Amino acid sequence: MSHSHIVAVVDTETTGLYPGRDQLVEIAIMLLEVARDTGALVRVLDRYQALEDPGRPIPPEATAIHGITDAMVKGLRIDRERVAALLTRAELVVAHNSGFDKGFVRQVLPGADALCWGCSCRGIPWRALHPGLENAKLQHLARALAVAGGTAHRAMGDVETTVNLLLLPDAQGHAHLRHLLLRKLPEPGGVEA
């Protein structure tokens, strides 16, 4: 029986808010091995970040958020096979707003819905664990909990911030990630939290 889980943390940057009409322009994935009992990091297994040309101009309001320009993505493509290899290796795929990210991951991995997804924004009781938090937005959590963050609103930067928040110990000394692991990957014969 394995004493660890494989978890992928993913983030996307896009041309807009709606995966049915907007396009993915950047993806980042970090593949982690974490301890089954505590959620603590065992090791980083892999990481991948890539830009994608959406085939049309990136709206200025999207560039204003993530800073990705048409010139930065010109002619670039996300490696679909690499994305599939990383995400299908994971027992749990975590995004800070998984409902949003899953829709855009589907553009490069049509089987994304079949993966086991966890939301680090809504799936961890941040405000119960840390009274006084105003909300569970990524940058707010990072500031309020004094967690090192990557470049905000760039895919790998947000993945790094999410990973740092997930690995932050709670009052019991377990990584916050453990809350998602218990909900999404309950032990056989165990009780779901």
C-alpha atoms as a PDB file:
ATOM      1  CA  MET A   1       0.000   0.000   0.000  1.00  0.00           C
ATOM      2  CA  SER A   2       1.388   3.359  -1.020  1.00  0.00           C
ATOM      3  CA  HIS A   3       2.122   5.922   1.664  1.00  0.00           C
ATOM      4  CA  SER A   4       1.818   8.824  -0.764  1.00  0.00           C
ATOM      5  CA  HIS A   5      -0.503  10.424  -3.305  1.00  0.00           C
ATOM      6  CA  ILE A   6       0.293  12.043  -6.644  1.00  0.00           C
ATOM      7  CA  VAL A   7      -1.326  15.476  -6.914  1.00  0.00           C
ATOM      8  CA  ALA A   8      -1.257  17.853  -9.882  1.00  0.00           C
ATOM      9  CA  VAL A   9      -1.758  21.564  -9.252  1.00  0.00           C
ATOM     10  CA  VAL A  10      -2.876  23.427 -12.370  1.00  0.00           C
ATOM     11  CA  ASP A  11      -3.632  27.010 -13.370  1.00  0.00           C
ATOM     12  CA  THR A  12      -4.724  28.577 -16.637  1.00  0.00           C
ATOM     13  CA  GLU A  13      -4.662  32.052 -18.128  1.00  0.00           C
ATOM     14  CA  THR A  14      -7.216  32.809 -20.826  1.00  0.00           C
ATOM     15  CA  THR A  15      -8.685  35.329 -23.244  1.00  0.00           C
ATOM     16  CA  GLY A  16     -11.826  35.628 -21.097  1.00  0.00           C
ATOM     17  CA  LEU A  17     -14.100  33.948 -18.580  1.00  0.00           C
ATOM     18  CA  TYR A  18     -16.087  31.508 -20.720  1.00  0.00           C
ATOM     19  CA  PRO A  19     -14.472  28.286 -22.004  1.00  0.00           C
ATOM     20  CA  GLY A  20     -17.211  27.891 -24.624  1.00  0.00           C
ATOM     21  CA  ARG A  21     -16.134  31.063 -26.415  1.00  0.00           C
ATOM     22  CA  ASP A  22     -12.760  32.106 -24.941  1.00  0.00           C
ATOM     23  CA  GLN A  23      -9.379  30.422 -25.352  1.00  0.00           C
ATOM     24  CA  LEU A  24      -6.564  29.163 -23.190  1.00  0.00           C
ATOM     25  CA  VAL A  25      -3.363  31.202 -23.601  1.00  0.00           C
ATOM     26  CA  GLU A  26      -1.229  29.707 -20.800  1.00  0.00           C
ATOM     27  CA  ILE A  27      -1.175  26.596 -18.651  1.00  0.00           C
ATOM     28  CA  ALA A  28       1.059  25.532 -15.799  1.00  0.00           C
ATOM     29  CA  ILE A  29       1.132  22.223 -13.962  1.00  0.00           C
ATOM     30  CA  MET A  30       3.178  21.080 -10.984  1.00  0.00           C
ATOM     31  CA  LEU A  31       3.111  17.364 -10.191  1.00  0.00           C
ATOM     32  CA  LEU A  32       3.699  16.573  -6.518  1.00  0.00           C
ATOM     33  CA  GLU A  33       4.171  13.473  -4.431  1.00  0.00           C
ATOM     34  CA  VAL A  34       2.629  14.103  -1.012  1.00  0.00           C
ATOM     35  CA  ALA A  35       2.416  12.065   2.175  1.00  0.00           C
ATOM     36  CA  ARG A  36      -0.916  10.246   2.443  1.00  0.00           C
ATOM     37  CA  ASP A  37      -1.306  10.856   6.183  1.00  0.00           C
ATOM     38  CA  THR A  38      -0.284  14.527   6.474  1.00  0.00           C
ATOM     39  CA  GLY A  39      -0.443  15.990   2.965  1.00  0.00           C
ATOM     40  CA  ALA A  40       3.168  17.171   3.366  1.00  0.00           C
ATOM     41  CA  LEU A  41       5.372  17.424   0.297  1.00  0.00           C
ATOM     42  CA  VAL A  42       7.548  14.390  -0.388  1.00  0.00           C
ATOM     43  CA  ARG A  43       8.952  15.780  -3.638  1.00  0.00           C
ATOM     44  CA  VAL A  44       8.137  17.731  -6.776  1.00  0.00           C
ATOM     45  CA  LEU A  45       7.945  15.171  -9.582  1.00  0.00           C
ATOM     46  CA  ASP A  46       7.604  17.469 -12.592  1.00  0.00           C
ATOM     47  CA  ARG A  47       6.501  20.894 -13.766  1.00  0.00           C
ATOM     48  CA  TYR A  48       5.316  22.238 -17.086  1.00  0.00           C
ATOM     49  CA  GLN A  49       4.400  25.716 -18.304  1.00  0.00           C
ATOM     50  CA  ALA A  50       3.514  26.772 -21.834  1.00  0.00           C
ATOM     51  CA  LEU A  51       1.857  29.534 -23.812  1.00  0.00           C
ATOM     52  CA  GLU A  52      -0.640  29.053 -26.645  1.00  0.00           C
ATOM     53  CA  ASP A  53      -1.570  31.275 -29.560  1.00  0.00           C
ATOM     54  CA  PRO A  54      -5.383  31.519 -29.375  1.00  0.00           C
ATOM     55  CA  GLY A  55      -5.592  32.253 -33.095  1.00  0.00           C
ATOM     56  CA  ARG A  56      -7.081  35.677 -32.575  1.00  0.00           C
ATOM     57  CA  PRO A  57      -6.075  38.846 -30.709  1.00  0.00           C
ATOM     58  CA  ILE A  58      -6.036  38.609 -26.916  1.00  0.00           C
ATOM     59  CA  PRO A  59      -8.536  41.176 -25.601  1.00  0.00           C
ATOM     60  CA  PRO A  60      -6.854  44.155 -23.895  1.00  0.00           C
ATOM     61  CA  GLU A  61      -8.859  43.545 -20.701  1.00  0.00           C
ATOM     62  CA  ALA A  62      -7.400  40.006 -20.474  1.00  0.00           C
ATOM     63  CA  THR A  63      -3.855  41.255 -21.131  1.00  0.00           C
ATOM     64  CA  ALA A  64      -4.409  43.877 -18.409  1.00  0.00           C
ATOM     65  CA  ILE A  65      -4.918  41.030 -15.907  1.00  0.00           C
ATOM     66  CA  HIS A  66      -2.249  38.488 -16.890  1.00  0.00           C
ATOM     67  CA  GLY A  67       0.148  40.566 -18.979  1.00  0.00           C
ATOM     68  CA  ILE A  68       0.238  38.045 -21.835  1.00  0.00           C
ATOM     69  CA  THR A  69       0.386  39.759 -25.224  1.00  0.00           C
ATOM     70  CA  ASP A  70      -0.230  38.592 -28.782  1.00  0.00           C
ATOM     71  CA  ALA A  71       3.520  38.880 -29.461  1.00  0.00           C
ATOM     72  CA  MET A  72       4.322  36.552 -26.527  1.00  0.00           C
ATOM     73  CA  VAL A  73       2.078  33.748 -27.813  1.00  0.00           C
ATOM     74  CA  LYS A  74       2.559  34.130 -31.579  1.00  0.00           C
ATOM     75  CA  GLY A  75       2.874  30.677 -33.142  1.00  0.00           C
ATOM     76  CA  LEU A  76       3.134  28.827 -29.805  1.00  0.00           C
ATOM     77  CA  ARG A  77       1.226  25.661 -28.894  1.00  0.00           C
ATOM     78  CA  ILE A  78       0.704  23.835 -25.612  1.00  0.00           C
ATOM     79  CA  ASP A  79       1.997  20.254 -25.764  1.00  0.00           C
ATOM     80  CA  ARG A  80      -1.241  18.285 -25.406  1.00  0.00           C
ATOM     81  CA  GLU A  81       0.564  14.972 -24.868  1.00  0.00           C
ATOM     82  CA  ARG A  82       2.628  16.442 -22.037  1.00  0.00           C
ATOM     83  CA  VAL A  83      -0.481  17.906 -20.362  1.00  0.00           C
ATOM     84  CA  ALA A  84      -2.263  14.561 -20.669  1.00  0.00           C
ATOM     85  CA  ALA A  85       0.727  12.636 -19.297  1.00  0.00           C
ATOM     86  CA  LEU A  86       1.001  14.887 -16.245  1.00  0.00           C
ATOM     87  CA  LEU A  87      -2.678  15.215 -15.398  1.00  0.00           C
ATOM     88  CA  THR A  88      -3.620  11.574 -15.948  1.00  0.00           C
ATOM     89  CA  ARG A  89      -0.751  10.512 -13.677  1.00  0.00           C
ATOM     90  CA  ALA A  90      -2.332  12.432 -10.788  1.00  0.00           C
ATOM     91  CA  GLU A  91      -4.831  10.905  -8.399  1.00  0.00           C
ATOM     92  CA  LEU A  92      -6.110  14.416  -7.670  1.00  0.00           C
ATOM     93  CA  VAL A  93      -5.963  17.552  -9.845  1.00  0.00           C
ATOM     94  CA  VAL A  94      -6.169  20.765  -7.820  1.00  0.00           C
ATOM     95  CA  ALA A  95      -6.902  24.272  -9.078  1.00  0.00           C
ATOM     96  CA  HIS A  96      -7.727  27.325  -7.001  1.00  0.00           C
ATOM     97  CA  ASN A  97     -10.980  27.759  -8.906  1.00  0.00           C
ATOM     98  CA  SER A  98     -11.369  24.303 -10.380  1.00  0.00           C
ATOM     99  CA  GLY A  99     -14.689  25.018 -12.086  1.00  0.00           C
ATOM    100  CA  PHE A 100     -13.027  27.752 -14.136  1.00  0.00           C
ATOM    101  CA  ASP A 101      -9.752  25.966 -14.859  1.00  0.00           C
ATOM    102  CA  LYS A 102     -11.336  22.616 -15.747  1.00  0.00           C
ATOM    103  CA  GLY A 103     -13.322  24.244 -18.561  1.00  0.00           C
ATOM    104  CA  PHE A 104     -10.140  25.602 -20.131  1.00  0.00           C
ATOM    105  CA  VAL A 105      -8.036  22.481 -19.486  1.00  0.00           C
ATOM    106  CA  ARG A 106     -10.708  20.651 -21.506  1.00  0.00           C
ATOM    107  CA  GLN A 107      -9.494  22.635 -24.562  1.00  0.00           C
ATOM    108  CA  VAL A 108      -6.138  20.785 -24.449  1.00  0.00           C
ATOM    109  CA  LEU A 109      -7.297  17.591 -22.698  1.00  0.00           C
ATOM    110  CA  PRO A 110     -10.807  16.615 -23.825  1.00  0.00           C
ATOM    111  CA  GLY A 111     -11.019  13.979 -21.055  1.00  0.00           C
ATOM    112  CA  ALA A 112     -10.420  16.540 -18.287  1.00  0.00           C
ATOM    113  CA  ASP A 113     -13.881  15.996 -16.785  1.00  0.00           C
ATOM    114  CA  ALA A 114     -13.011  12.385 -15.991  1.00  0.00           C
ATOM    115  CA  LEU A 115     -10.147  13.432 -13.703  1.00  0.00           C
ATOM    116  CA  CYS A 116     -10.635  13.716  -9.945  1.00  0.00           C
ATOM    117  CA  TRP A 117     -10.707  17.500  -9.365  1.00  0.00           C
ATOM    118  CA  GLY A 118     -10.333  19.376  -6.107  1.00  0.00           C
ATOM    119  CA  CYS A 119     -10.847  23.097  -5.572  1.00  0.00           C
ATOM    120  CA  SER A 120      -8.324  24.727  -3.247  1.00  0.00           C
ATOM    121  CA  CYS A 121     -10.566  27.817  -3.011  1.00  0.00           C
ATOM    122  CA  ARG A 122     -13.841  26.161  -1.964  1.00  0.00           C
ATOM    123  CA  GLY A 123     -12.648  22.695  -0.901  1.00  0.00           C
ATOM    124  CA  ILE A 124     -10.551  23.853   2.047  1.00  0.00           C
ATOM    125  CA  PRO A 125     -12.324  25.609   4.954  1.00  0.00           C
ATOM    126  CA  TRP A 126      -9.915  28.560   4.930  1.00  0.00           C
ATOM    127  CA  ARG A 127     -12.101  30.914   6.981  1.00  0.00           C
ATOM    128  CA  ALA A 128     -12.827  28.271   9.637  1.00  0.00           C
ATOM    129  CA  LEU A 129      -9.132  27.381   9.869  1.00  0.00           C
ATOM    130  CA  HIS A 130      -8.011  31.030   9.887  1.00  0.00           C
ATOM    131  CA  PRO A 131     -10.664  33.278  11.466  1.00  0.00           C
ATOM    132  CA  GLY A 132     -10.474  36.824  10.199  1.00  0.00           C
ATOM    133  CA  LEU A 133      -9.848  36.000   6.547  1.00  0.00           C
ATOM    134  CA  GLU A 134     -11.972  38.236   4.329  1.00  0.00           C
ATOM    135  CA  ASN A 135     -12.213  35.709   1.481  1.00  0.00           C
ATOM    136  CA  ALA A 136     -10.448  32.738  -0.074  1.00  0.00           C
ATOM    137  CA  LYS A 137      -9.083  34.476  -3.180  1.00  0.00           C
ATOM    138  CA  LEU A 138      -5.569  33.291  -3.964  1.00  0.00           C
ATOM    139  CA  GLN A 139      -3.687  36.569  -3.544  1.00  0.00           C
ATOM    140  CA  HIS A 140      -5.646  37.475  -0.395  1.00  0.00           C
ATOM    141  CA  LEU A 141      -4.802  34.108   1.197  1.00  0.00           C
ATOM    142  CA  ALA A 142      -1.137  34.477   0.274  1.00  0.00           C
ATOM    143  CA  ARG A 143      -0.938  37.961   1.824  1.00  0.00           C
ATOM    144  CA  ALA A 144      -3.018  37.166   4.911  1.00  0.00           C
ATOM    145  CA  LEU A 145      -1.172  33.915   5.673  1.00  0.00           C
ATOM    146  CA  ALA A 146       2.265  35.335   4.761  1.00  0.00           C
ATOM    147  CA  VAL A 147       2.878  32.678   2.127  1.00  0.00           C
ATOM    148  CA  ALA A 148       5.434  33.255  -0.608  1.00  0.00           C
ATOM    149  CA  GLY A 149       3.744  33.707  -3.940  1.00  0.00           C
ATOM    150  CA  GLY A 150       4.813  33.548  -7.537  1.00  0.00           C
ATOM    151  CA  THR A 151       3.987  36.181 -10.126  1.00  0.00           C
ATOM    152  CA  ALA A 152       0.254  36.853  -9.734  1.00  0.00           C
ATOM    153  CA  HIS A 153      -2.010  36.033 -12.680  1.00  0.00           C
ATOM    154  CA  ARG A 154       0.658  34.103 -14.561  1.00  0.00           C
ATOM    155  CA  ALA A 155      -0.014  30.381 -14.620  1.00  0.00           C
ATOM    156  CA  MET A 156       3.173  29.067 -12.973  1.00  0.00           C
ATOM    157  CA  GLY A 157       3.201  31.927 -10.469  1.00  0.00           C
ATOM    158  CA  ASP A 158      -0.336  31.084  -9.389  1.00  0.00           C
ATOM    159  CA  VAL A 159       0.513  27.364  -9.265  1.00  0.00           C
ATOM    160  CA  GLU A 160       3.488  28.139  -6.996  1.00  0.00           C
ATOM    161  CA  THR A 161       1.298  30.289  -4.724  1.00  0.00           C
ATOM    162  CA  THR A 162      -1.379  27.568  -4.602  1.00  0.00           C
ATOM    163  CA  VAL A 163       1.213  24.893  -3.774  1.00  0.00           C
ATOM    164  CA  ASN A 164       2.665  27.045  -0.977  1.00  0.00           C
ATOM    165  CA  LEU A 165      -0.826  27.544   0.491  1.00  0.00           C
ATOM    166  CA  LEU A 166      -1.663  23.839   0.172  1.00  0.00           C
ATOM    167  CA  LEU A 167       1.529  22.823   1.956  1.00  0.00           C
ATOM    168  CA  LEU A 168       1.152  25.397   4.753  1.00  0.00           C
ATOM    169  CA  PRO A 169       0.620  23.506   8.040  1.00  0.00           C
ATOM    170  CA  ASP A 170      -2.700  23.909   9.830  1.00  0.00           C
ATOM    171  CA  ALA A 171      -3.054  24.037  13.649  1.00  0.00           C
ATOM    172  CA  GLN A 172      -2.618  20.236  13.822  1.00  0.00           C
ATOM    173  CA  GLY A 173       0.580  20.371  11.784  1.00  0.00           C
ATOM    174  CA  HIS A 174      -1.006  18.818   8.687  1.00  0.00           C
ATOM    175  CA  ALA A 175      -0.759  20.478   5.296  1.00  0.00           C
ATOM    176  CA  HIS A 176      -3.947  22.282   4.258  1.00  0.00           C
ATOM    177  CA  LEU A 177      -3.920  19.944   1.250  1.00  0.00           C
ATOM    178  CA  ARG A 178      -4.905  17.123   3.618  1.00  0.00           C
ATOM    179  CA  HIS A 179      -8.436  18.583   3.820  1.00  0.00           C
ATOM    180  CA  LEU A 180      -8.835  18.006   0.070  1.00  0.00           C
ATOM    181  CA  LEU A 181      -7.160  14.595   0.171  1.00  0.00           C
ATOM    182  CA  LEU A 182      -9.561  13.367   2.864  1.00  0.00           C
ATOM    183  CA  ARG A 183     -12.588  14.628   0.931  1.00  0.00           C
ATOM    184  CA  LYS A 184     -11.522  13.479  -2.517  1.00  0.00           C
ATOM    185  CA  LEU A 185      -9.383  10.383  -1.856  1.00  0.00           C
ATOM    186  CA  PRO A 186     -10.784   8.721   1.264  1.00  0.00           C
ATOM    187  CA  GLU A 187      -8.914   5.725   2.599  1.00  0.00           C
ATOM    188  CA  PRO A 188     -10.409   2.359   1.620  1.00  0.00           C
ATOM    189  CA  GLY A 189     -12.613   1.304   4.524  1.00  0.00           C
ATOM    190  CA  GLY A 190     -12.051   4.717   6.106  1.00  0.00           C
ATOM    191  CA  VAL A 191     -14.485   7.495   6.840  1.00  0.00           C
ATOM    192  CA  GLU A 192     -14.814  10.475   4.497  1.00  0.00           C
ATOM    193  CA  ALA A 193     -14.169  13.795   6.196  1.00  0.00           C
END
